[in-house]
Amino acid sequence: MPYCNEKQVSRRKLMARTAALASFFKFTETRAGAQSGAQAGFNRNSAPSQLRITDMRAVLVASNYDYPIIRIDTNQGVYGLGEARDAGREGTALVLKPHLAGRNPLSIEPILDSLRIFSNHQRMGGGYSAVDMALHDIAGKVYGVPAWRLIGSKYRDRIRIYCDTTESKDPGIYAERFKRRKQMGFTFFKMDLGTRLVADKPDAVNDRRVATQKGLEYMCEYIQAVRDAIGWEAPLAADHFGPLTVNDSIRYARAFEKYNLAWAEDMIQVGHLGPGGDAPKDWRGYKELKEATTTPIATGESLFGLEEGFKDLIDHRAIDVIHPDPLTAGGIRETRRIADYASMNGVETAIHFAGSPVGCMASVHMAATLKDMLAMENHAVDIPWWGDLAAGPSKPIVNSGYISVPDAPGLGVELNEDVVKQHIRKGGYFSPTPQYDDYILDRFRTGGPYPHLDENGKPVVRQ
């Protein structure tokens, strides 16, 4: 064996270790540079642990259905936009202002947990939902990530859109409207199919203004005309049938079976707690309807929450399709939760939406994370200035029947102040709201010191 002294061995080991360390530091430097680059999108003007909510304001935009848009402000200039349900009022969100003031908006779930008691179905779910959207907008801006990233991963880069199409008593005109929708690039369709279409025809309706067998034959002529216009491959849903009972709904749904509808929506209109039939609590009625027809049944656009609104319908397989509106159902986080639960139980999801670009893009972020989704509604494709209300999303927002999912921080939406101001229904553009500084809705709150008797029966005032 050749002779090697210990100094040579030590020197060689030292050189090898030095080379290894140099390689390690170079690797570490590269990783650090990548990390720094990833952090470059973070909002350096915001220290998350010190971020606090300072105010909530609103603007009410006049449109097909008024849009109650809210803004949550913070002590560091970062703000978030949200939207209460279309045709609702901004007050459903503003009454929650004192429950938010002083809190860190990044504590999204603890904040929402504390607000849930103040929510309900129909437009009363709008306040909670608007706050949810605004908090996700703020958090996304602070962390430099899109809102969808805060709740999961994307399953799709664009959202398939269907647009509600208003009816005409002339089947030919109605069919032509759908043909134009198809020419615009839409691949999913929905028609208003009110019994009023045939109400003036002989023997078409009974004394409850519900279609007779003859009336149903007339109504089916409209579906046939639309099918002839868009073809049989395209999904076609239907809505707005009239004041139907369970038995009426079964007759209607059976009459529609041969037209292969994607779903018949909100059919049962009688027997609800409160007005309207889009927030049903009677899952037994819907289960009876679903089991009596092959026409898929959908409902739920005005239900709030999984446990409060959708769980019984899903657990009992009472419907084929849930149809939540994120602006009522609970915003981004809760609607995702509802849709995931439905998917696990074999129930499909379609999204109802009829608001501004703010609520639209919040819904798009949510829809991007769903494993299973049929399509999302948009009620504004015929309003020429709708997309001009906001900057940020690619234009047109609805492009050939789809909306692209943004990758910009937060919701990726900022309002165009000049355009919004042209369409204000009442009040100002995010005017101060001192009238909501004090509690209007609350749980148990003493309000300050109160008189009582101590353990010896002596009157005292507890601080």
Protein backbone atom coordinates (compact mmCIF):
# COMPACT_ATOMS: atom_id res chain seq x y z
CA MET A 1 0.00 0.00 0.00
CA PRO A 2 1.44 3.43 -0.94
CA TYR A 3 2.42 5.53 1.98
CA CYS A 4 0.26 8.64 2.67
CA ASN A 5 0.88 10.91 5.58
CA GLU A 6 -1.96 12.10 7.75
CA LYS A 7 -1.46 15.75 6.70
CA GLN A 8 -2.18 14.87 3.05
CA VAL A 9 -5.32 12.97 4.01
CA SER A 10 -6.49 15.82 6.19
CA ARG A 11 -5.83 18.33 3.42
CA ARG A 12 -7.75 16.24 0.89
CA LYS A 13 -10.65 15.81 3.29
CA LEU A 14 -10.66 19.53 3.96
CA MET A 15 -10.72 20.33 0.23
CA ALA A 16 -13.55 17.86 -0.34
CA ARG A 17 -15.53 19.30 2.54
CA THR A 18 -14.91 22.83 1.25
CA ALA A 19 -16.17 21.87 -2.21
CA ALA A 20 -19.24 20.22 -0.68
CA LEU A 21 -19.98 23.27 1.44
CA ALA A 22 -19.56 25.56 -1.56
CA SER A 23 -22.05 23.43 -3.50
CA PHE A 24 -24.45 23.46 -0.54
CA PHE A 25 -24.27 27.24 -0.17
CA LYS A 26 -24.80 27.70 -3.89
CA PHE A 27 -27.88 25.44 -3.70
CA THR A 28 -29.12 27.30 -0.62
CA GLU A 29 -28.61 30.64 -2.33
CA THR A 30 -30.62 29.44 -5.32
CA ARG A 31 -33.45 28.23 -3.06
CA ALA A 32 -33.39 31.49 -1.14
CA GLY A 33 -33.59 33.44 -4.38
CA ALA A 34 -36.58 31.40 -5.48
CA GLN A 35 -38.23 31.92 -2.11
CA SER A 36 -37.59 35.64 -2.32
CA GLY A 37 -39.11 35.67 -5.76
CA ALA A 38 -42.19 33.85 -4.44
CA GLN A 39 -42.53 36.41 -1.70
CA ALA A 40 -42.26 39.30 -4.13
CA GLY A 41 -46.01 39.11 -4.69
CA PHE A 42 -46.77 39.66 -0.99
CA ASN A 43 -48.17 43.01 0.07
CA ARG A 44 -45.17 44.60 1.82
CA ASN A 45 -47.42 47.37 3.12
CA SER A 46 -49.24 44.95 5.37
CA ALA A 47 -48.02 43.30 8.54
CA PRO A 48 -50.61 40.52 8.87
CA SER A 49 -50.42 40.21 12.65
CA GLN A 50 -51.16 43.92 13.04
CA LEU A 51 -53.89 44.14 10.38
CA ARG A 52 -57.26 45.31 11.73
CA ILE A 53 -60.71 46.05 10.28
CA THR A 54 -61.61 49.71 10.65
CA ASP A 55 -64.79 50.24 8.62
CA MET A 56 -67.45 48.83 6.32
CA ARG A 57 -69.20 50.84 3.62
CA ALA A 58 -71.49 50.10 0.68
CA VAL A 59 -72.76 51.20 -2.71
CA LEU A 60 -76.07 50.06 -4.22
CA VAL A 61 -75.86 49.65 -8.00
CA ALA A 62 -79.09 49.85 -10.02
CA SER A 63 -79.41 47.05 -12.56
CA ASN A 64 -81.70 44.22 -13.63
CA TYR A 65 -81.54 43.28 -9.97
CA ASP A 66 -79.85 45.86 -7.73
CA TYR A 67 -76.32 44.94 -6.64
CA PRO A 68 -75.48 45.66 -2.95
CA ILE A 69 -71.66 45.89 -3.00
CA ILE A 70 -69.72 46.32 0.26
CA ARG A 71 -66.17 47.33 1.09
CA ILE A 72 -64.29 46.35 4.27
CA ASP A 73 -61.43 48.73 5.10
CA THR A 74 -58.36 48.12 7.27
CA ASN A 75 -55.77 50.14 9.17
CA GLN A 76 -53.15 49.42 6.51
CA GLY A 77 -54.95 50.53 3.37
CA VAL A 78 -55.81 47.01 2.20
CA TYR A 79 -59.53 46.64 1.54
CA GLY A 80 -61.83 43.90 0.36
CA LEU A 81 -64.93 43.92 -1.84
CA GLY A 82 -67.95 41.71 -1.34
CA GLU A 83 -71.55 41.55 -2.49
CA ALA A 84 -74.86 40.71 -0.84
CA ARG A 85 -77.51 38.84 -2.80
CA ASP A 86 -78.99 40.50 -5.88
CA ALA A 87 -82.19 42.45 -5.21
CA GLY A 88 -81.25 42.44 -1.52
CA ARG A 89 -80.01 45.37 0.53
CA GLU A 90 -76.62 46.44 1.73
CA GLY A 91 -77.96 46.71 5.29
CA THR A 92 -77.84 42.93 5.70
CA ALA A 93 -74.04 43.28 5.65
CA LEU A 94 -73.66 46.68 7.31
CA VAL A 95 -75.42 45.52 10.48
CA LEU A 96 -72.46 43.20 11.00
CA LYS A 97 -69.97 46.09 11.05
CA PRO A 98 -69.56 46.39 14.85
CA HIS A 99 -68.88 42.64 15.03
CA LEU A 100 -65.94 43.14 12.64
CA ALA A 101 -64.37 46.37 13.86
CA GLY A 102 -60.94 45.87 15.41
CA ARG A 103 -60.59 42.24 14.32
CA ASN A 104 -57.88 40.81 12.10
CA PRO A 105 -59.51 40.12 8.70
CA LEU A 106 -57.15 37.20 8.10
CA SER A 107 -58.98 35.24 10.82
CA ILE A 108 -61.58 34.32 8.23
CA GLU A 109 -63.18 31.26 9.80
CA PRO A 110 -63.32 32.54 13.41
CA ILE A 111 -64.97 35.74 12.15
CA LEU A 112 -67.49 33.85 10.04
CA ASP A 113 -68.27 31.48 12.91
CA SER A 114 -69.21 34.47 15.06
CA LEU A 115 -71.50 35.89 12.34
CA ARG A 116 -73.33 32.74 11.35
CA ILE A 117 -76.11 33.20 13.88
CA PHE A 118 -77.14 36.41 12.09
CA SER A 119 -77.78 34.66 8.75
CA ASN A 120 -80.83 33.03 7.24
CA HIS A 121 -82.31 31.94 3.94
CA GLN A 122 -83.28 34.09 0.97
CA ARG A 123 -81.79 37.61 1.05
CA MET A 124 -80.94 37.33 4.75
CA GLY A 125 -77.92 35.20 3.85
CA GLY A 126 -76.47 38.09 1.87
CA GLY A 127 -74.65 39.89 4.69
CA TYR A 128 -72.65 36.87 5.83
CA SER A 129 -71.88 36.00 2.22
CA ALA A 130 -70.68 39.52 1.38
CA VAL A 131 -68.35 39.56 4.40
CA ASP A 132 -66.93 36.17 3.41
CA MET A 133 -66.06 37.47 -0.05
CA ALA A 134 -64.48 40.68 1.25
CA LEU A 135 -62.33 38.78 3.78
CA HIS A 136 -61.04 36.47 1.04
CA ASP A 137 -60.31 39.51 -1.10
CA ILE A 138 -58.25 41.07 1.70
CA ALA A 139 -56.41 37.85 2.56
CA GLY A 140 -55.57 37.18 -1.07
CA LYS A 141 -54.16 40.68 -1.47
CA VAL A 142 -52.10 40.40 1.72
CA TYR A 143 -50.63 37.00 0.85
CA GLY A 144 -50.35 37.69 -2.88
CA VAL A 145 -52.52 34.75 -3.95
CA PRO A 146 -55.88 34.43 -5.73
CA ALA A 147 -58.92 33.75 -3.57
CA TRP A 148 -59.29 30.22 -4.94
CA ARG A 149 -55.88 29.31 -3.52
CA LEU A 150 -57.12 30.17 -0.01
CA ILE A 151 -59.69 27.35 -0.13
CA GLY A 152 -58.02 24.71 -2.28
CA SER A 153 -56.72 23.99 -5.75
CA LYS A 154 -58.14 24.63 -9.19
CA TYR A 155 -59.94 21.85 -11.01
CA ARG A 156 -60.57 24.09 -14.03
CA ASP A 157 -59.17 27.27 -15.58
CA ARG A 158 -62.50 28.54 -16.87
CA ILE A 159 -66.10 28.28 -15.73
CA ARG A 160 -68.89 27.19 -18.06
CA ILE A 161 -71.68 29.77 -18.05
CA TYR A 162 -75.36 29.52 -18.85
CA CYS A 163 -77.61 32.53 -19.10
CA ASP A 164 -81.26 32.69 -18.22
CA THR A 165 -83.33 33.56 -21.30
CA THR A 166 -86.59 35.44 -20.84
CA GLU A 167 -89.68 33.99 -22.38
CA SER A 168 -91.81 35.05 -25.35
CA LYS A 169 -95.36 33.94 -26.07
CA ASP A 170 -94.30 33.29 -29.65
CA PRO A 171 -92.38 29.97 -29.73
CA GLY A 172 -90.59 31.09 -32.88
CA ILE A 173 -89.28 34.28 -31.25
CA TYR A 174 -88.31 32.34 -28.13
CA ALA A 175 -86.39 29.81 -30.22
CA GLU A 176 -84.63 32.63 -32.08
CA ARG A 177 -83.39 34.06 -28.76
CA PHE A 178 -81.79 30.73 -27.96
CA LYS A 179 -80.27 30.52 -31.40
CA ARG A 180 -78.57 33.87 -30.71
CA ARG A 181 -77.28 32.55 -27.40
CA LYS A 182 -75.73 29.63 -29.23
CA GLN A 183 -74.15 31.99 -31.76
CA MET A 184 -72.60 33.89 -28.82
CA GLY A 185 -70.78 30.71 -27.84
CA PHE A 186 -72.97 29.41 -25.04
CA THR A 187 -73.14 25.64 -24.69
CA PHE A 188 -75.51 25.40 -21.72
CA PHE A 189 -78.99 26.93 -21.70
CA LYS A 190 -81.93 27.68 -19.42
CA MET A 191 -85.44 28.85 -20.28
CA ASP A 192 -88.16 30.54 -18.29
CA LEU A 193 -91.21 28.34 -18.79
CA GLY A 194 -93.99 30.04 -16.89
CA THR A 195 -97.52 28.67 -17.05
CA ARG A 196 -98.54 32.25 -17.88
CA LEU A 197 -97.27 31.61 -21.42
CA VAL A 198 -100.36 29.53 -22.13
CA ALA A 199 -102.83 31.09 -19.66
CA ASP A 200 -104.86 32.80 -22.41
CA LYS A 201 -105.33 29.62 -24.45
CA PRO A 202 -108.63 27.72 -24.19
CA ASP A 203 -108.78 25.13 -21.40
CA ALA A 204 -105.02 25.52 -20.72
CA VAL A 205 -105.14 26.33 -16.99
CA ASN A 206 -107.39 25.47 -14.07
CA ASP A 207 -108.80 27.81 -11.43
CA ARG A 208 -105.45 27.80 -9.58
CA ARG A 209 -103.66 29.03 -12.72
CA VAL A 210 -101.92 25.67 -13.06
CA ALA A 211 -101.67 23.97 -16.45
CA THR A 212 -104.14 21.28 -17.40
CA GLN A 213 -103.06 18.37 -19.58
CA LYS A 214 -103.90 20.50 -22.60
CA GLY A 215 -101.91 23.40 -21.14
CA LEU A 216 -98.89 21.16 -20.63
CA GLU A 217 -99.05 20.16 -24.28
CA TYR A 218 -98.93 23.86 -25.20
CA MET A 219 -95.99 24.43 -22.85
CA CYS A 220 -94.10 21.55 -24.41
CA GLU A 221 -94.36 23.29 -27.78
CA TYR A 222 -91.98 25.93 -26.41
CA ILE A 223 -89.47 23.32 -25.29
CA GLN A 224 -89.68 21.63 -28.68
CA ALA A 225 -89.05 24.95 -30.47
CA VAL A 226 -85.99 25.63 -28.31
CA ARG A 227 -84.69 22.09 -28.82
CA ASP A 228 -85.03 22.57 -32.57
CA ALA A 229 -82.94 25.74 -32.26
CA ILE A 230 -80.08 24.48 -30.08
CA GLY A 231 -80.15 20.75 -30.76
CA TRP A 232 -80.50 17.77 -28.44
CA GLU A 233 -76.91 17.49 -27.27
CA ALA A 234 -76.87 20.86 -25.52
CA PRO A 235 -77.97 20.87 -21.85
CA LEU A 236 -81.28 22.76 -21.42
CA ALA A 237 -82.82 23.57 -18.02
CA ALA A 238 -86.17 25.19 -17.22
CA ASP A 239 -87.56 27.41 -14.43
CA HIS A 240 -90.48 29.60 -13.23
CA PHE A 241 -93.39 27.22 -13.70
CA GLY A 242 -95.91 28.83 -11.36
CA PRO A 243 -97.74 28.00 -8.09
CA LEU A 244 -97.27 24.23 -8.17
CA THR A 245 -98.00 21.69 -5.46
CA VAL A 246 -96.11 18.39 -5.24
CA ASN A 247 -98.70 16.64 -7.43
CA ASP A 248 -98.70 19.50 -9.94
CA SER A 249 -94.91 19.31 -10.10
CA ILE A 250 -95.03 15.57 -10.79
CA ARG A 251 -97.41 16.12 -13.72
CA TYR A 252 -95.20 18.87 -15.17
CA ALA A 253 -91.97 16.92 -14.73
CA ARG A 254 -93.41 13.83 -16.39
CA ALA A 255 -94.62 15.91 -19.34
CA PHE A 256 -91.06 17.22 -19.78
CA GLU A 257 -89.33 13.83 -19.66
CA LYS A 258 -89.06 13.31 -23.42
CA TYR A 259 -87.12 16.59 -23.83
CA ASN A 260 -84.11 15.43 -21.80
CA LEU A 261 -83.88 18.54 -19.61
CA ALA A 262 -80.73 19.16 -17.60
CA TRP A 263 -83.06 19.95 -14.72
CA ALA A 264 -86.42 21.45 -13.79
CA GLU A 265 -85.86 24.12 -11.15
CA ASP A 266 -87.74 25.17 -7.99
CA MET A 267 -90.89 23.36 -9.03
CA ILE A 268 -92.72 23.06 -5.70
CA GLN A 269 -93.99 26.53 -4.85
CA VAL A 270 -96.74 25.70 -2.35
CA GLY A 271 -96.18 24.74 1.29
CA HIS A 272 -93.03 26.74 2.06
CA LEU A 273 -92.14 28.63 5.19
CA GLY A 274 -92.10 32.18 3.88
CA PRO A 275 -92.62 33.50 0.35
CA GLY A 276 -91.17 31.95 -2.78
CA GLY A 277 -90.19 28.43 -3.67
CA ASP A 278 -86.43 28.73 -4.06
CA ALA A 279 -85.61 28.09 -0.39
CA PRO A 280 -87.45 24.83 0.29
CA LYS A 281 -87.45 23.13 3.67
CA ASP A 282 -89.82 20.33 2.61
CA TRP A 283 -87.30 17.69 1.57
CA ARG A 284 -90.03 15.02 1.73
CA GLY A 285 -92.01 16.78 -1.00
CA TYR A 286 -88.94 17.03 -3.19
CA LYS A 287 -88.06 13.38 -2.57
CA GLU A 288 -91.57 12.37 -3.65
CA LEU A 289 -91.21 14.49 -6.80
CA LYS A 290 -87.75 13.18 -7.65
CA GLU A 291 -88.81 9.56 -7.28
CA ALA A 292 -91.83 10.08 -9.53
CA THR A 293 -89.98 11.32 -12.64
CA THR A 294 -86.85 10.90 -14.73
CA THR A 295 -86.60 14.67 -15.23
CA PRO A 296 -83.71 15.83 -12.99
CA ILE A 297 -84.87 18.10 -10.16
CA ALA A 298 -82.92 21.12 -8.88
CA THR A 299 -83.50 23.71 -6.18
CA GLY A 300 -81.76 25.80 -3.53
CA GLU A 301 -80.75 29.22 -4.90
CA SER A 302 -82.09 30.94 -1.78
CA LEU A 303 -80.93 28.48 0.88
CA PHE A 304 -78.21 29.44 3.36
CA GLY A 305 -75.62 27.04 4.74
CA LEU A 306 -75.01 23.31 4.62
CA GLU A 307 -76.63 22.34 7.92
CA GLU A 308 -79.29 25.04 7.77
CA GLY A 309 -80.34 24.61 4.15
CA PHE A 310 -78.91 21.82 2.02
CA LYS A 311 -78.02 18.87 4.21
CA ASP A 312 -81.48 17.29 4.48
CA LEU A 313 -82.06 17.57 0.73
CA ILE A 314 -78.70 15.90 0.07
CA ASP A 315 -78.84 13.26 2.82
CA HIS A 316 -82.27 12.08 1.71
CA ARG A 317 -81.43 12.14 -2.01
CA ALA A 318 -84.39 14.46 -2.48
CA ILE A 319 -82.93 16.30 -5.49
CA ASP A 320 -80.61 15.55 -8.39
CA VAL A 321 -78.91 18.96 -8.54
CA ILE A 322 -78.22 21.54 -5.82
CA HIS A 323 -78.38 25.11 -7.09
CA PRO A 324 -76.79 27.40 -4.47
CA ASP A 325 -76.17 31.10 -5.01
CA PRO A 326 -72.89 31.99 -3.24
CA LEU A 327 -74.31 35.45 -2.44
CA THR A 328 -76.95 33.78 -0.24
CA ALA A 329 -75.47 30.34 0.54
CA GLY A 330 -72.54 31.68 2.57
CA GLY A 331 -69.99 33.09 0.12
CA ILE A 332 -66.85 31.36 -1.07
CA ARG A 333 -66.01 29.07 1.83
CA GLU A 334 -69.48 27.80 2.75
CA THR A 335 -70.63 27.25 -0.84
CA ARG A 336 -67.49 25.18 -1.48
CA ARG A 337 -68.35 23.17 1.65
CA ILE A 338 -71.93 22.60 0.43
CA ALA A 339 -70.82 21.51 -3.04
CA ASP A 340 -68.18 19.14 -1.67
CA TYR A 341 -70.74 17.50 0.59
CA ALA A 342 -73.15 17.13 -2.34
CA SER A 343 -70.42 15.61 -4.49
CA MET A 344 -69.56 13.04 -1.81
CA ASN A 345 -73.21 12.02 -1.79
CA GLY A 346 -73.68 11.77 -5.55
CA VAL A 347 -75.60 15.04 -6.01
CA GLU A 348 -74.49 17.40 -8.77
CA THR A 349 -73.94 21.16 -8.36
CA ALA A 350 -74.91 24.10 -10.55
CA ILE A 351 -74.34 27.69 -9.42
CA HIS A 352 -77.01 30.39 -9.47
CA PHE A 353 -75.76 33.95 -9.91
CA ALA A 354 -77.40 37.26 -10.86
CA GLY A 355 -75.18 40.02 -9.45
CA SER A 356 -72.30 42.34 -10.32
CA PRO A 357 -68.76 41.48 -11.48
CA VAL A 358 -67.67 41.51 -7.81
CA GLY A 359 -69.94 38.66 -6.76
CA CYS A 360 -69.43 37.02 -10.13
CA MET A 361 -65.67 36.71 -9.78
CA ALA A 362 -65.97 35.60 -6.15
CA SER A 363 -68.26 32.82 -7.38
CA VAL A 364 -65.82 31.96 -10.17
CA HIS A 365 -62.98 31.56 -7.65
CA MET A 366 -65.17 29.21 -5.63
CA ALA A 367 -66.38 27.25 -8.66
CA ALA A 368 -62.81 26.69 -9.86
CA THR A 369 -62.12 24.53 -6.78
CA LEU A 370 -65.13 22.21 -7.14
CA LYS A 371 -64.52 18.64 -8.22
CA ASP A 372 -67.94 18.36 -9.83
CA MET A 373 -69.85 21.29 -11.32
CA LEU A 374 -72.31 21.54 -14.21
CA ALA A 375 -72.37 25.28 -14.97
CA MET A 376 -72.80 28.73 -13.41
CA GLU A 377 -75.55 31.20 -14.25
CA ASN A 378 -75.16 34.81 -15.36
CA HIS A 379 -78.15 37.10 -15.62
CA ALA A 380 -76.35 40.10 -17.11
CA VAL A 381 -75.16 39.06 -20.56
CA ASP A 382 -77.73 41.42 -22.13
CA ILE A 383 -76.62 44.45 -20.07
CA PRO A 384 -74.06 46.33 -22.20
CA TRP A 385 -72.31 48.15 -19.33
CA TRP A 386 -72.21 45.25 -16.86
CA GLY A 387 -68.57 44.35 -17.51
CA ASP A 388 -67.55 48.03 -17.38
CA LEU A 389 -68.40 48.17 -13.67
CA ALA A 390 -65.10 46.49 -12.85
CA ALA A 391 -61.46 46.37 -13.87
CA GLY A 392 -59.22 43.36 -13.46
CA PRO A 393 -60.96 40.43 -15.16
CA SER A 394 -60.19 39.87 -18.83
CA LYS A 395 -62.84 41.40 -21.09
CA PRO A 396 -65.39 40.45 -22.06
CA ILE A 397 -65.85 38.78 -18.71
CA VAL A 398 -68.22 36.21 -20.24
CA ASN A 399 -66.38 35.15 -23.37
CA SER A 400 -67.94 32.56 -25.70
CA GLY A 401 -69.89 31.02 -22.85
CA TYR A 402 -67.03 30.84 -20.33
CA ILE A 403 -65.35 33.00 -17.66
CA SER A 404 -61.61 32.66 -17.10
CA VAL A 405 -60.47 32.04 -13.52
CA PRO A 406 -58.21 34.92 -12.35
CA ASP A 407 -54.77 34.39 -10.86
CA ALA A 408 -54.51 37.96 -9.53
CA PRO A 409 -54.40 38.42 -5.74
CA GLY A 410 -57.73 38.33 -3.92
CA LEU A 411 -60.82 38.43 -6.12
CA GLY A 412 -58.87 40.15 -8.89
CA VAL A 413 -61.56 42.82 -9.20
CA GLU A 414 -61.50 46.59 -8.67
CA LEU A 415 -64.50 48.82 -9.29
CA ASN A 416 -64.49 51.46 -12.01
CA GLU A 417 -65.64 54.37 -9.88
CA ASP A 418 -66.85 56.53 -12.76
CA VAL A 419 -69.00 53.77 -14.24
CA VAL A 420 -70.41 52.68 -10.89
CA LYS A 421 -71.39 56.26 -10.06
CA GLN A 422 -73.47 56.38 -13.25
CA HIS A 423 -75.61 53.52 -11.95
CA ILE A 424 -76.12 54.16 -8.24
CA ARG A 425 -79.65 53.40 -7.10
CA LYS A 426 -79.55 55.56 -3.97
CA GLY A 427 -77.02 56.97 -1.53
CA GLY A 428 -73.39 57.66 -2.34
CA TYR A 429 -70.28 55.84 -3.45
CA PHE A 430 -69.04 54.08 -0.31
CA SER A 431 -70.23 56.90 1.92
CA PRO A 432 -69.47 56.71 5.66
CA THR A 433 -71.85 54.51 7.67
CA PRO A 434 -71.77 55.82 11.27
CA GLN A 435 -75.38 54.67 11.76
CA TYR A 436 -74.03 51.10 11.84
CA ASP A 437 -71.22 51.72 14.34
CA ASP A 438 -73.27 50.42 17.27
CA TYR A 439 -74.74 46.92 17.58
CA ILE A 440 -78.07 46.33 15.88
CA LEU A 441 -77.97 42.52 15.81
CA ASP A 442 -76.34 40.90 18.80
CA ARG A 443 -76.15 37.96 21.15
CA PHE A 444 -75.86 38.39 24.95
CA ARG A 445 -74.23 41.71 25.78
CA THR A 446 -74.62 43.60 29.07
CA GLY A 447 -73.51 46.93 27.64
CA GLY A 448 -71.44 47.91 30.69
CA PRO A 449 -71.68 47.98 34.51
CA TYR A 450 -74.90 46.55 35.92
CA PRO A 451 -76.52 46.53 39.38
CA HIS A 452 -77.06 43.26 41.25
CA LEU A 453 -76.93 41.76 44.74
CA ASP A 454 -73.71 40.24 46.07
CA GLU A 455 -73.58 37.00 48.07
CA ASN A 456 -74.64 38.89 51.22
CA GLY A 457 -77.65 40.50 49.56
CA LYS A 458 -76.01 43.89 49.36
CA PRO A 459 -76.67 46.02 46.20
CA VAL A 460 -73.51 46.46 44.18
CA VAL A 461 -72.56 47.51 40.67
CA ARG A 462 -70.36 45.10 38.78
CA GLN A 463 -68.01 46.59 36.21
